[in-house]
Amino acid sequence: MKSLPAKSVAVFAVTFGITISFVLLHHQEPSPVKPDPMARSFILWLHGLGDSGPANEPIKSLFTSPQFRNTKWSFPSAPSNPVTCNYGAVMPSWFDIHEIPVTADSPKDEGSMLKAVQDVHSMIDKEIAAGTNPNNVFICGFSQGGALTLASVLLYPKTLGGVVLRMTGLLKFLRNLQLYVLQAKVKYMEYLFLGSTRKVMFDIITPILWSHGVADRTVLFEAGQAGPPLLEKAGVSCEFKAYPGLGHSISNEELRNLESWIKSRLQSSS
């Protein structure tokens, strides 16, 4: 992982891909292929400020359980943008960040963040259109990528397999969550029915795992700890896990927990 200067946010975000290959037996009559019980799945990993997608690809090598043999991983890179907290320096950034450390009251550039949300939705839509069951789509992100992950899934009109985020500072966004969800429903209705009076409603029931290092001095622990109660207030259940002694980084223990959490939610092809 890439470490950034003190005035920067180091972040990373999560997704990986494995394609199964079939062994053909050399007989005159081809033998029937036994169906694979594990359906195709998709993990999208969103990195943090100043990082890149390829730098995070080694994460997928730690997911060794057979349940991930049909998993496709995706590690996109954020576009280069000027970042306010780094005095306008241009670096890979999903949206602007105004200050470091990020506290519970830190401002967010919600305009640029919501534009990034649209880009993430396009990635998800493309994978679902390719045949992946939405219930086997998982979005993961670290720091800035974690904030984008949470916003993207909360505003997505379909239930997904799960969302895993590692630190965020989206408190203003979460305080306005019910308003954003209402706006998203209206836009979704317009998209599907182009002015029809038929109503479309959807609920946010995508499982959420929210982790945070207690010793994090870049995105303060209070900023992460304050998030899940706001989700609960909006009717969204969230599992919160604190890692004592862990700073603004990710540990092998956390990745093992992440693998287990996703594995327990993968659905078979039957």
C-alpha atoms as a PDB file:
ATOM      1  CA  MET A   1       0.000   0.000   0.000  1.00  0.00           C
ATOM      2  CA  LYS A   2       1.082   3.528  -0.609  1.00  0.00           C
ATOM      3  CA  SER A   3       1.681   5.919   2.274  1.00  0.00           C
ATOM      4  CA  LEU A   4       0.962   9.610   1.796  1.00  0.00           C
ATOM      5  CA  PRO A   5       2.289  12.769   3.485  1.00  0.00           C
ATOM      6  CA  ALA A   6       0.734  13.866   6.789  1.00  0.00           C
ATOM      7  CA  LYS A   7      -1.531  16.366   5.031  1.00  0.00           C
ATOM      8  CA  SER A   8      -2.781  13.675   2.672  1.00  0.00           C
ATOM      9  CA  VAL A   9      -5.285  10.923   2.974  1.00  0.00           C
ATOM     10  CA  ALA A  10      -4.028   7.443   2.297  1.00  0.00           C
ATOM     11  CA  VAL A  11      -6.789   5.233   1.216  1.00  0.00           C
ATOM     12  CA  PHE A  12      -7.659   2.241  -0.587  1.00  0.00           C
ATOM     13  CA  ALA A  13     -10.712   0.596  -1.800  1.00  0.00           C
ATOM     14  CA  VAL A  14     -11.864  -3.260  -2.639  1.00  0.00           C
ATOM     15  CA  THR A  15     -12.682  -5.729  -5.711  1.00  0.00           C
ATOM     16  CA  PHE A  16     -11.126  -8.919  -7.510  1.00  0.00           C
ATOM     17  CA  GLY A  17     -11.649 -11.445 -10.392  1.00  0.00           C
ATOM     18  CA  ILE A  18     -10.950 -15.145 -10.988  1.00  0.00           C
ATOM     19  CA  THR A  19     -12.092 -17.025 -14.101  1.00  0.00           C
ATOM     20  CA  ILE A  20     -12.699 -20.778 -13.915  1.00  0.00           C
ATOM     21  CA  SER A  21     -11.254 -22.920 -16.707  1.00  0.00           C
ATOM     22  CA  PHE A  22     -12.660 -26.253 -17.737  1.00  0.00           C
ATOM     23  CA  VAL A  23     -10.501 -29.358 -18.412  1.00  0.00           C
ATOM     24  CA  LEU A  24     -11.486 -31.227 -21.551  1.00  0.00           C
ATOM     25  CA  LEU A  25     -10.933 -34.969 -21.445  1.00  0.00           C
ATOM     26  CA  HIS A  26      -9.436 -36.471 -24.585  1.00  0.00           C
ATOM     27  CA  HIS A  27     -12.118 -39.048 -25.481  1.00  0.00           C
ATOM     28  CA  GLN A  28     -14.014 -39.596 -28.678  1.00  0.00           C
ATOM     29  CA  GLU A  29     -17.217 -38.792 -26.835  1.00  0.00           C
ATOM     30  CA  PRO A  30     -16.979 -35.666 -24.653  1.00  0.00           C
ATOM     31  CA  SER A  31     -17.788 -36.289 -21.008  1.00  0.00           C
ATOM     32  CA  PRO A  32     -20.513 -34.135 -19.466  1.00  0.00           C
ATOM     33  CA  VAL A  33     -19.194 -31.225 -17.398  1.00  0.00           C
ATOM     34  CA  LYS A  34     -20.356 -31.213 -13.807  1.00  0.00           C
ATOM     35  CA  PRO A  35     -22.064 -27.881 -13.017  1.00  0.00           C
ATOM     36  CA  ASP A  36     -20.121 -25.595 -10.692  1.00  0.00           C
ATOM     37  CA  PRO A  37     -22.307 -24.912  -7.626  1.00  0.00           C
ATOM     38  CA  MET A  38     -20.741 -21.476  -7.103  1.00  0.00           C
ATOM     39  CA  ALA A  39     -22.314 -18.728  -9.153  1.00  0.00           C
ATOM     40  CA  ARG A  40     -20.372 -15.855 -10.659  1.00  0.00           C
ATOM     41  CA  SER A  41     -19.632 -13.061  -8.175  1.00  0.00           C
ATOM     42  CA  PHE A  42     -18.114  -9.598  -8.448  1.00  0.00           C
ATOM     43  CA  ILE A  43     -16.042  -7.550  -5.997  1.00  0.00           C
ATOM     44  CA  LEU A  44     -15.336  -3.903  -6.719  1.00  0.00           C
ATOM     45  CA  TRP A  45     -12.503  -2.370  -4.665  1.00  0.00           C
ATOM     46  CA  LEU A  46     -12.251   1.431  -4.435  1.00  0.00           C
ATOM     47  CA  HIS A  47      -8.880   2.777  -3.308  1.00  0.00           C
ATOM     48  CA  GLY A  48      -8.141   5.884  -1.297  1.00  0.00           C
ATOM     49  CA  LEU A  49      -6.690   9.313  -2.003  1.00  0.00           C
ATOM     50  CA  GLY A  50      -3.419   9.312  -3.941  1.00  0.00           C
ATOM     51  CA  ASP A  51      -3.486   5.547  -4.443  1.00  0.00           C
ATOM     52  CA  SER A  52      -4.296   3.485  -7.531  1.00  0.00           C
ATOM     53  CA  GLY A  53      -6.313   0.409  -8.429  1.00  0.00           C
ATOM     54  CA  PRO A  54      -3.356  -1.763  -9.558  1.00  0.00           C
ATOM     55  CA  ALA A  55      -1.516  -1.058  -6.284  1.00  0.00           C
ATOM     56  CA  ASN A  56      -4.323  -2.804  -4.418  1.00  0.00           C
ATOM     57  CA  GLU A  57      -4.638  -5.881  -6.636  1.00  0.00           C
ATOM     58  CA  PRO A  58      -2.483  -8.100  -4.329  1.00  0.00           C
ATOM     59  CA  ILE A  59      -5.429  -8.053  -1.886  1.00  0.00           C
ATOM     60  CA  LYS A  60      -7.266 -10.621  -4.000  1.00  0.00           C
ATOM     61  CA  SER A  61      -4.490 -13.198  -3.488  1.00  0.00           C
ATOM     62  CA  LEU A  62      -5.502 -13.406   0.191  1.00  0.00           C
ATOM     63  CA  PHE A  63      -9.008 -14.615  -0.700  1.00  0.00           C
ATOM     64  CA  THR A  64      -8.119 -18.276  -1.069  1.00  0.00           C
ATOM     65  CA  SER A  65     -11.427 -19.948  -0.158  1.00  0.00           C
ATOM     66  CA  PRO A  66     -12.927 -22.044  -2.994  1.00  0.00           C
ATOM     67  CA  GLN A  67     -16.062 -19.893  -2.839  1.00  0.00           C
ATOM     68  CA  PHE A  68     -14.087 -17.189  -4.660  1.00  0.00           C
ATOM     69  CA  ARG A  69     -13.019 -19.287  -7.652  1.00  0.00           C
ATOM     70  CA  ASN A  70     -15.750 -17.714  -9.840  1.00  0.00           C
ATOM     71  CA  THR A  71     -15.198 -14.193  -8.534  1.00  0.00           C
ATOM     72  CA  LYS A  72     -14.319 -11.317 -10.818  1.00  0.00           C
ATOM     73  CA  TRP A  73     -12.329  -8.521  -9.172  1.00  0.00           C
ATOM     74  CA  SER A  74     -12.178  -4.922 -10.366  1.00  0.00           C
ATOM     75  CA  PHE A  75      -9.663  -2.339  -9.118  1.00  0.00           C
ATOM     76  CA  PRO A  76     -10.426   0.940 -10.925  1.00  0.00           C
ATOM     77  CA  SER A  77      -8.233   4.004 -10.463  1.00  0.00           C
ATOM     78  CA  ALA A  78      -9.616   7.416  -9.553  1.00  0.00           C
ATOM     79  CA  PRO A  79      -9.100  10.279 -12.008  1.00  0.00           C
ATOM     80  CA  SER A  80      -6.462  12.918 -11.216  1.00  0.00           C
ATOM     81  CA  ASN A  81      -8.000  15.979  -9.575  1.00  0.00           C
ATOM     82  CA  PRO A  82      -6.783  18.936  -7.470  1.00  0.00           C
ATOM     83  CA  VAL A  83      -7.245  18.235  -3.756  1.00  0.00           C
ATOM     84  CA  THR A  84      -7.920  21.120  -1.365  1.00  0.00           C
ATOM     85  CA  CYS A  85      -6.372  19.511   1.738  1.00  0.00           C
ATOM     86  CA  ASN A  86      -3.124  19.081  -0.226  1.00  0.00           C
ATOM     87  CA  TYR A  87      -3.022  22.750  -1.261  1.00  0.00           C
ATOM     88  CA  GLY A  88      -4.540  22.052  -4.651  1.00  0.00           C
ATOM     89  CA  ALA A  89      -2.016  19.381  -5.646  1.00  0.00           C
ATOM     90  CA  VAL A  90      -3.269  17.117  -8.424  1.00  0.00           C
ATOM     91  CA  MET A  91      -3.474  13.424  -7.513  1.00  0.00           C
ATOM     92  CA  PRO A  92      -5.779  10.406  -7.928  1.00  0.00           C
ATOM     93  CA  SER A  93      -8.952  11.411  -6.068  1.00  0.00           C
ATOM     94  CA  TRP A  94     -12.576  10.308  -6.354  1.00  0.00           C
ATOM     95  CA  PHE A  95     -13.754  13.691  -4.996  1.00  0.00           C
ATOM     96  CA  ASP A  96     -12.329  16.717  -3.205  1.00  0.00           C
ATOM     97  CA  ILE A  97     -11.305  16.566   0.470  1.00  0.00           C
ATOM     98  CA  HIS A  98     -11.150  19.842   2.360  1.00  0.00           C
ATOM     99  CA  GLU A  99      -9.209  18.985   5.511  1.00  0.00           C
ATOM    100  CA  ILE A 100      -7.023  16.424   7.244  1.00  0.00           C
ATOM    101  CA  PRO A 101      -7.520  14.885   9.733  1.00  0.00           C
ATOM    102  CA  VAL A 102     -11.116  14.059   8.869  1.00  0.00           C
ATOM    103  CA  THR A 103     -13.358  14.526  11.890  1.00  0.00           C
ATOM    104  CA  ALA A 104     -17.045  13.911  12.533  1.00  0.00           C
ATOM    105  CA  ASP A 105     -17.758  17.488  11.417  1.00  0.00           C
ATOM    106  CA  SER A 106     -15.467  17.704   8.391  1.00  0.00           C
ATOM    107  CA  PRO A 107     -17.104  19.123   5.233  1.00  0.00           C
ATOM    108  CA  LYS A 108     -17.467  17.042   2.095  1.00  0.00           C
ATOM    109  CA  ASP A 109     -17.642  18.160  -1.528  1.00  0.00           C
ATOM    110  CA  GLU A 110     -20.915  16.351  -2.133  1.00  0.00           C
ATOM    111  CA  GLY A 111     -21.224  17.578  -5.734  1.00  0.00           C
ATOM    112  CA  SER A 112     -18.048  15.849  -6.903  1.00  0.00           C
ATOM    113  CA  MET A 113     -18.803  12.858  -4.688  1.00  0.00           C
ATOM    114  CA  LEU A 114     -22.239  12.326  -6.257  1.00  0.00           C
ATOM    115  CA  LYS A 115     -20.640  12.517  -9.714  1.00  0.00           C
ATOM    116  CA  ALA A 116     -18.274   9.734  -8.633  1.00  0.00           C
ATOM    117  CA  VAL A 117     -21.303   7.786  -7.353  1.00  0.00           C
ATOM    118  CA  GLN A 118     -22.759   7.832 -10.871  1.00  0.00           C
ATOM    119  CA  ASP A 119     -19.517   6.358 -12.210  1.00  0.00           C
ATOM    120  CA  VAL A 120     -19.629   3.543  -9.630  1.00  0.00           C
ATOM    121  CA  HIS A 121     -23.267   2.843 -10.502  1.00  0.00           C
ATOM    122  CA  SER A 122     -22.228   2.458 -14.147  1.00  0.00           C
ATOM    123  CA  MET A 123     -19.629  -0.162 -13.141  1.00  0.00           C
ATOM    124  CA  ILE A 124     -22.224  -2.072 -11.125  1.00  0.00           C
ATOM    125  CA  ASP A 125     -24.823  -1.864 -13.906  1.00  0.00           C
ATOM    126  CA  LYS A 126     -22.316  -3.199 -16.437  1.00  0.00           C
ATOM    127  CA  GLU A 127     -21.516  -6.232 -14.286  1.00  0.00           C
ATOM    128  CA  ILE A 128     -25.173  -7.026 -13.599  1.00  0.00           C
ATOM    129  CA  ALA A 129     -25.937  -6.689 -17.324  1.00  0.00           C
ATOM    130  CA  ALA A 130     -23.160  -9.245 -17.949  1.00  0.00           C
ATOM    131  CA  GLY A 131     -25.126 -11.787 -15.910  1.00  0.00           C
ATOM    132  CA  THR A 132     -23.973 -11.445 -12.297  1.00  0.00           C
ATOM    133  CA  ASN A 133     -26.748 -11.721  -9.729  1.00  0.00           C
ATOM    134  CA  PRO A 134     -26.946  -8.403  -7.788  1.00  0.00           C
ATOM    135  CA  ASN A 135     -26.901 -10.466  -4.576  1.00  0.00           C
ATOM    136  CA  ASN A 136     -23.377 -11.587  -5.510  1.00  0.00           C
ATOM    137  CA  VAL A 137     -22.066  -8.057  -6.094  1.00  0.00           C
ATOM    138  CA  PHE A 138     -19.899  -6.627  -3.298  1.00  0.00           C
ATOM    139  CA  ILE A 139     -18.475  -3.111  -3.098  1.00  0.00           C
ATOM    140  CA  CYS A 140     -15.473  -2.454  -0.864  1.00  0.00           C
ATOM    141  CA  GLY A 141     -13.489   0.703  -0.175  1.00  0.00           C
ATOM    142  CA  PHE A 142     -10.808   2.209   2.054  1.00  0.00           C
ATOM    143  CA  SER A 143     -10.868   5.785   3.441  1.00  0.00           C
ATOM    144  CA  GLN A 144     -11.916   8.067   0.573  1.00  0.00           C
ATOM    145  CA  GLY A 145     -12.870   4.945  -1.352  1.00  0.00           C
ATOM    146  CA  GLY A 146     -14.848   3.816   1.694  1.00  0.00           C
ATOM    147  CA  ALA A 147     -16.829   7.045   1.687  1.00  0.00           C
ATOM    148  CA  LEU A 148     -17.569   6.593  -2.025  1.00  0.00           C
ATOM    149  CA  THR A 149     -18.490   2.950  -1.440  1.00  0.00           C
ATOM    150  CA  LEU A 150     -21.051   3.824   1.223  1.00  0.00           C
ATOM    151  CA  ALA A 151     -22.635   6.647  -0.774  1.00  0.00           C
ATOM    152  CA  SER A 152     -22.789   4.517  -3.937  1.00  0.00           C
ATOM    153  CA  VAL A 153     -24.543   1.574  -2.312  1.00  0.00           C
ATOM    154  CA  LEU A 154     -26.975   3.659  -0.276  1.00  0.00           C
ATOM    155  CA  LEU A 155     -28.100   5.446  -3.444  1.00  0.00           C
ATOM    156  CA  TYR A 156     -28.194   2.344  -5.649  1.00  0.00           C
ATOM    157  CA  PRO A 157     -31.780   1.231  -6.454  1.00  0.00           C
ATOM    158  CA  LYS A 158     -31.101  -2.506  -6.107  1.00  0.00           C
ATOM    159  CA  THR A 159     -30.095  -4.679  -3.179  1.00  0.00           C
ATOM    160  CA  LEU A 160     -26.513  -5.930  -3.517  1.00  0.00           C
ATOM    161  CA  GLY A 161     -24.639  -8.708  -1.756  1.00  0.00           C
ATOM    162  CA  GLY A 162     -22.869  -6.382   0.640  1.00  0.00           C
ATOM    163  CA  VAL A 163     -20.744  -3.313   1.192  1.00  0.00           C
ATOM    164  CA  VAL A 164     -17.524  -3.168   3.181  1.00  0.00           C
ATOM    165  CA  LEU A 165     -15.955   0.155   4.087  1.00  0.00           C
ATOM    166  CA  ARG A 166     -12.851   1.026   6.018  1.00  0.00           C
ATOM    167  CA  MET A 167     -13.174   4.501   7.524  1.00  0.00           C
ATOM    168  CA  THR A 168     -15.155   7.432   6.223  1.00  0.00           C
ATOM    169  CA  GLY A 169     -16.195  10.940   7.191  1.00  0.00           C
ATOM    170  CA  LEU A 170     -19.588  11.148   5.509  1.00  0.00           C
ATOM    171  CA  LEU A 171     -21.434  12.516   8.506  1.00  0.00           C
ATOM    172  CA  LYS A 172     -23.211  15.362   6.709  1.00  0.00           C
ATOM    173  CA  PHE A 173     -24.205  12.953   3.955  1.00  0.00           C
ATOM    174  CA  LEU A 174     -25.559  10.460   6.485  1.00  0.00           C
ATOM    175  CA  ARG A 175     -27.493  13.143   8.370  1.00  0.00           C
ATOM    176  CA  ASN A 176     -29.233  13.927   5.075  1.00  0.00           C
ATOM    177  CA  LEU A 177     -29.525  10.269   4.078  1.00  0.00           C
ATOM    178  CA  GLN A 178     -33.320  10.076   4.125  1.00  0.00           C
ATOM    179  CA  LEU A 179     -33.521  13.106   1.828  1.00  0.00           C
ATOM    180  CA  TYR A 180     -30.964  11.609  -0.568  1.00  0.00           C
ATOM    181  CA  VAL A 181     -32.811   8.288  -0.658  1.00  0.00           C
ATOM    182  CA  LEU A 182     -36.090  10.058  -1.405  1.00  0.00           C
ATOM    183  CA  GLN A 183     -34.402  11.989  -4.229  1.00  0.00           C
ATOM    184  CA  ALA A 184     -32.876   8.785  -5.570  1.00  0.00           C
ATOM    185  CA  LYS A 185     -36.288   7.092  -5.587  1.00  0.00           C
ATOM    186  CA  VAL A 186     -37.788   9.955  -7.552  1.00  0.00           C
ATOM    187  CA  LYS A 187     -34.966   9.857 -10.097  1.00  0.00           C
ATOM    188  CA  TYR A 188     -35.297   6.072 -10.374  1.00  0.00           C
ATOM    189  CA  MET A 189     -39.029   6.411 -11.033  1.00  0.00           C
ATOM    190  CA  GLU A 190     -38.357   8.967 -13.751  1.00  0.00           C
ATOM    191  CA  TYR A 191     -35.719   6.711 -15.281  1.00  0.00           C
ATOM    192  CA  LEU A 192     -37.915   3.620 -15.374  1.00  0.00           C
ATOM    193  CA  PHE A 193     -41.252   5.083 -16.284  1.00  0.00           C
ATOM    194  CA  LEU A 194     -40.489   8.442 -17.919  1.00  0.00           C
ATOM    195  CA  GLY A 195     -43.236  10.344 -16.163  1.00  0.00           C
ATOM    196  CA  SER A 196     -45.590   7.421 -15.547  1.00  0.00           C
ATOM    197  CA  THR A 197     -47.774   7.663 -12.434  1.00  0.00           C
ATOM    198  CA  ARG A 198     -46.795   4.118 -11.468  1.00  0.00           C
ATOM    199  CA  LYS A 199     -44.839   4.131  -8.208  1.00  0.00           C
ATOM    200  CA  VAL A 200     -41.520   2.455  -7.592  1.00  0.00           C
ATOM    201  CA  MET A 201     -40.165   2.021  -4.083  1.00  0.00           C
ATOM    202  CA  PHE A 202     -36.996   0.318  -2.943  1.00  0.00           C
ATOM    203  CA  ASP A 203     -35.493  -0.284   0.461  1.00  0.00           C
ATOM    204  CA  ILE A 204     -31.850  -0.141   1.482  1.00  0.00           C
ATOM    205  CA  ILE A 205     -31.269  -3.685   2.703  1.00  0.00           C
ATOM    206  CA  THR A 206     -27.753  -4.279   1.382  1.00  0.00           C
ATOM    207  CA  PRO A 207     -25.665  -5.618   4.315  1.00  0.00           C
ATOM    208  CA  ILE A 208     -23.003  -3.180   5.528  1.00  0.00           C
ATOM    209  CA  LEU A 209     -19.749  -3.959   7.353  1.00  0.00           C
ATOM    210  CA  TRP A 210     -18.069  -0.788   8.668  1.00  0.00           C
ATOM    211  CA  SER A 211     -14.544  -1.084  10.111  1.00  0.00           C
ATOM    212  CA  HIS A 212     -12.245   1.497  11.663  1.00  0.00           C
ATOM    213  CA  GLY A 213      -8.825   1.571  13.297  1.00  0.00           C
ATOM    214  CA  VAL A 214      -8.990   3.030  16.795  1.00  0.00           C
ATOM    215  CA  ALA A 215      -5.525   4.602  16.386  1.00  0.00           C
ATOM    216  CA  ASP A 216      -6.307   6.259  13.045  1.00  0.00           C
ATOM    217  CA  ARG A 217      -5.137   9.892  13.053  1.00  0.00           C
ATOM    218  CA  THR A 218      -6.057  10.638   9.414  1.00  0.00           C
ATOM    219  CA  VAL A 219      -9.744   9.769   9.568  1.00  0.00           C
ATOM    220  CA  LEU A 220     -10.388  10.017  13.295  1.00  0.00           C
ATOM    221  CA  PHE A 221     -12.071   7.087  15.008  1.00  0.00           C
ATOM    222  CA  GLU A 222     -14.898   9.404  16.136  1.00  0.00           C
ATOM    223  CA  ALA A 223     -15.743  10.061  12.472  1.00  0.00           C
ATOM    224  CA  GLY A 224     -16.226   6.349  11.864  1.00  0.00           C
ATOM    225  CA  GLN A 225     -17.944   5.583  15.160  1.00  0.00           C
ATOM    226  CA  ALA A 226     -20.547   8.307  14.578  1.00  0.00           C
ATOM    227  CA  GLY A 227     -21.677   6.847  11.248  1.00  0.00           C
ATOM    228  CA  PRO A 228     -23.533   3.597  12.063  1.00  0.00           C
ATOM    229  CA  PRO A 229     -26.030   5.264  14.490  1.00  0.00           C
ATOM    230  CA  LEU A 230     -27.008   7.669  11.696  1.00  0.00           C
ATOM    231  CA  LEU A 231     -27.545   4.708   9.387  1.00  0.00           C
ATOM    232  CA  GLU A 232     -29.695   3.003  12.001  1.00  0.00           C
ATOM    233  CA  LYS A 233     -31.720   6.210  12.366  1.00  0.00           C
ATOM    234  CA  ALA A 234     -32.402   6.088   8.628  1.00  0.00           C
ATOM    235  CA  GLY A 235     -33.503   2.449   8.887  1.00  0.00           C
ATOM    236  CA  VAL A 236     -30.270   0.920   7.584  1.00  0.00           C
ATOM    237  CA  SER A 237     -28.644  -1.855   9.608  1.00  0.00           C
ATOM    238  CA  CYS A 238     -24.864  -1.770   9.890  1.00  0.00           C
ATOM    239  CA  GLU A 239     -22.258  -3.981  11.562  1.00  0.00           C
ATOM    240  CA  PHE A 240     -19.431  -1.906  13.070  1.00  0.00           C
ATOM    241  CA  LYS A 241     -16.042  -3.389  13.934  1.00  0.00           C
ATOM    242  CA  ALA A 242     -13.235  -1.508  15.700  1.00  0.00           C
ATOM    243  CA  TYR A 243      -9.569  -2.564  15.466  1.00  0.00           C
ATOM    244  CA  PRO A 244      -7.580  -1.439  18.562  1.00  0.00           C
ATOM    245  CA  GLY A 245      -4.099  -0.160  17.796  1.00  0.00           C
ATOM    246  CA  LEU A 246      -4.678   0.022  14.037  1.00  0.00           C
ATOM    247  CA  GLY A 247      -3.948   3.327  12.310  1.00  0.00           C
ATOM    248  CA  HIS A 248      -4.792   4.525   8.806  1.00  0.00           C
ATOM    249  CA  SER A 249      -4.038   1.194   7.187  1.00  0.00           C
ATOM    250  CA  ILE A 250      -5.508  -2.248   6.782  1.00  0.00           C
ATOM    251  CA  SER A 251      -4.350  -5.394   8.544  1.00  0.00           C
ATOM    252  CA  ASN A 252      -4.271  -9.068   7.594  1.00  0.00           C
ATOM    253  CA  GLU A 253      -6.727  -9.735  10.415  1.00  0.00           C
ATOM    254  CA  GLU A 254      -9.164  -7.296   8.876  1.00  0.00           C
ATOM    255  CA  LEU A 255      -8.783  -8.872   5.424  1.00  0.00           C
ATOM    256  CA  ARG A 256      -9.394 -12.335   6.893  1.00  0.00           C
ATOM    257  CA  ASN A 257     -12.568 -11.039   8.537  1.00  0.00           C
ATOM    258  CA  LEU A 258     -13.558  -9.438   5.252  1.00  0.00           C
ATOM    259  CA  GLU A 259     -13.099 -12.712   3.368  1.00  0.00           C
ATOM    260  CA  SER A 260     -15.214 -14.581   5.915  1.00  0.00           C
ATOM    261  CA  TRP A 261     -17.944 -11.906   5.882  1.00  0.00           C
ATOM    262  CA  ILE A 262     -18.291 -11.923   2.093  1.00  0.00           C
ATOM    263  CA  LYS A 263     -18.009 -15.726   1.882  1.00  0.00           C
ATOM    264  CA  SER A 264     -20.951 -16.154   4.254  1.00  0.00           C
ATOM    265  CA  ARG A 265     -23.107 -14.045   1.907  1.00  0.00           C
ATOM    266  CA  LEU A 266     -22.186 -15.541  -1.463  1.00  0.00           C
ATOM    267  CA  GLN A 267     -25.073 -17.322  -3.115  1.00  0.00           C
ATOM    268  CA  SER A 268     -24.781 -20.558  -5.077  1.00  0.00           C
ATOM    269  CA  SER A 269     -25.980 -21.022  -8.635  1.00  0.00           C
ATOM    270  CA  SER A 270     -28.801 -23.316  -7.518  1.00  0.00           C
END
